[in-house]
Structure formats: structure tokens, C-alpha cells
Protein backbone atom coordinates (compact mmCIF):
# COMPACT_ATOMS: atom_id res chain seq x y z
CA UNK A 1 -20.37 16.24 -42.04
CA UNK A 2 -19.78 19.45 -43.96
CA UNK A 3 -19.16 22.74 -42.24
CA UNK A 4 -21.41 24.78 -44.52
CA UNK A 5 -23.80 22.14 -45.84
CA UNK A 6 -25.41 18.87 -44.84
CA UNK A 7 -26.41 16.38 -47.53
CA UNK A 8 -29.13 13.81 -47.00
CA UNK A 9 -30.07 11.08 -49.47
CA UNK A 10 -32.95 8.64 -49.72
CA UNK A 11 -31.76 6.38 -52.54
CA UNK A 12 -34.60 3.82 -52.41
CA UNK A 13 -35.92 5.08 -55.76
CA UNK A 14 -32.49 5.00 -57.42
CA UNK A 15 -31.61 2.48 -60.08
CA UNK A 16 -28.02 1.21 -60.26
CA UNK A 17 -27.58 3.52 -63.27
CA UNK A 18 -28.69 6.58 -61.27
CA UNK A 19 -26.46 5.64 -58.33
CA UNK A 20 -23.43 5.34 -60.59
CA UNK A 21 -24.28 8.55 -62.45
CA UNK A 22 -24.59 10.46 -59.17
CA UNK A 23 -21.18 9.26 -58.04
CA UNK A 24 -19.65 10.09 -61.45
CA UNK A 25 -21.19 13.55 -61.93
CA UNK A 26 -19.85 15.14 -58.73
CA UNK A 27 -16.68 17.12 -59.52
CA UNK A 28 -15.38 16.81 -55.95
CA UNK A 29 -16.20 13.12 -55.32
CA UNK A 30 -18.72 13.62 -52.53
CA UNK A 31 -20.74 10.53 -53.51
CA UNK A 32 -19.73 6.91 -53.88
CA UNK A 33 -21.59 3.65 -54.33
CA UNK A 34 -20.95 1.13 -51.58
CA UNK A 35 -22.86 -2.12 -51.10
CA UNK A 36 -25.40 -1.00 -53.70
CA UNK A 37 -26.21 2.32 -51.97
CA UNK A 38 -25.15 5.91 -52.48
CA UNK A 39 -22.94 7.11 -49.66
CA UNK A 40 -21.89 10.69 -48.85
CA UNK A 41 -18.17 10.87 -48.14
CA UNK A 42 -18.07 13.05 -44.98
CA UNK A 43 -14.47 14.09 -45.56
CA UNK A 44 -15.44 15.48 -48.98
CA UNK A 45 -18.82 17.02 -48.08
CA UNK A 46 -17.33 20.41 -47.19
CA UNK A 47 -15.74 20.54 -50.67
CA UNK A 48 -19.17 20.94 -52.30
CA UNK A 49 -19.22 23.84 -54.78
CA UNK A 50 -23.04 23.88 -54.99
CA UNK A 51 -22.79 23.20 -58.72
CA UNK A 52 -26.17 21.38 -58.49
CA UNK A 53 -25.19 18.62 -60.93
CA UNK A 54 -26.28 16.00 -58.39
CA UNK A 55 -29.70 17.65 -58.11
CA UNK A 56 -30.25 17.11 -61.83
CA UNK A 57 -29.44 13.38 -61.56
CA UNK A 58 -31.25 12.38 -58.36
CA UNK A 59 -35.02 11.76 -58.54
CA UNK A 60 -37.10 14.68 -57.27
CA UNK A 61 -37.03 15.09 -53.51
CA UNK A 62 -34.54 12.29 -52.81
CA UNK A 63 -31.41 14.40 -52.32
CA UNK A 64 -31.37 17.49 -50.12
CA UNK A 65 -28.50 19.90 -49.54
CA UNK A 66 -29.14 21.97 -46.41
CA UNK A 67 -27.19 25.21 -46.27
CA UNK A 68 -26.24 25.46 -42.59
CA UNK A 69 -25.05 29.05 -42.94
CA UNK A 70 -28.53 30.24 -44.02
CA UNK A 71 -32.08 28.96 -44.13
CA UNK A 72 -31.72 27.76 -47.73
CA UNK A 73 -31.99 24.24 -49.04
CA UNK A 74 -31.51 22.68 -52.45
CA UNK A 75 -33.67 19.70 -53.43
CA UNK A 76 -33.16 17.24 -56.28
CA UNK A 77 -35.42 17.81 -59.23
CA UNK A 78 -35.05 15.00 -61.78
CA UNK A 79 -38.30 13.16 -62.46
CA UNK A 80 -38.52 9.42 -61.76
CA UNK A 81 -38.98 8.70 -65.44
CA UNK A 82 -35.88 10.57 -66.54
CA UNK A 83 -32.97 8.36 -67.47
CA UNK A 84 -29.52 9.91 -67.18
CA UNK A 85 -27.96 10.42 -70.58
CA UNK A 86 -25.06 8.06 -71.26
CA UNK A 87 -21.95 9.59 -72.73
């Protein structure tokens, strides 16, 4: 668990493509896909730079970053119908 943030994920709405994109987009490797689910790597969670790339990939409301040092929270905002762009 991160010192300054806590990340919670409800990946039931995620397609395999979204799960893989979420794991790939994070510059500090916080997310991985294990047994077909997105997992937060607790040892990496405190490395989060709050770049918000994950919030653009995850369907709206399914990924929440709680800022434990303040009352702020960041919530994913991608719509269910959005498909991550392949490179």
C-alpha cells in the first residue's frame, strides 16, 4: 500500500485489451495482469507520479486513486465504449 496514495480497482468491466493497456501505460509499473485480472503492485504503488494515464484507460469510475495526504481523489474517466488506441 502506498504511503501517499491508495489505488482501488474494479476491473469487472475491463476487456483483456484494457487490462493489458492499463499495465502497459503506467510509467512506473504499478499495474500488472495476473490470472486475467489487473493487480496493483503494492511495492510500486508509492512510486505513482499522478500522471493520470491510467485514468484515461480505465472505464469511468472503475479505478480510484485516493490521496491520503489530502481529501482529494482521482477517478477514471474513459467511457465504456472507448477502445484504447493501438500503437
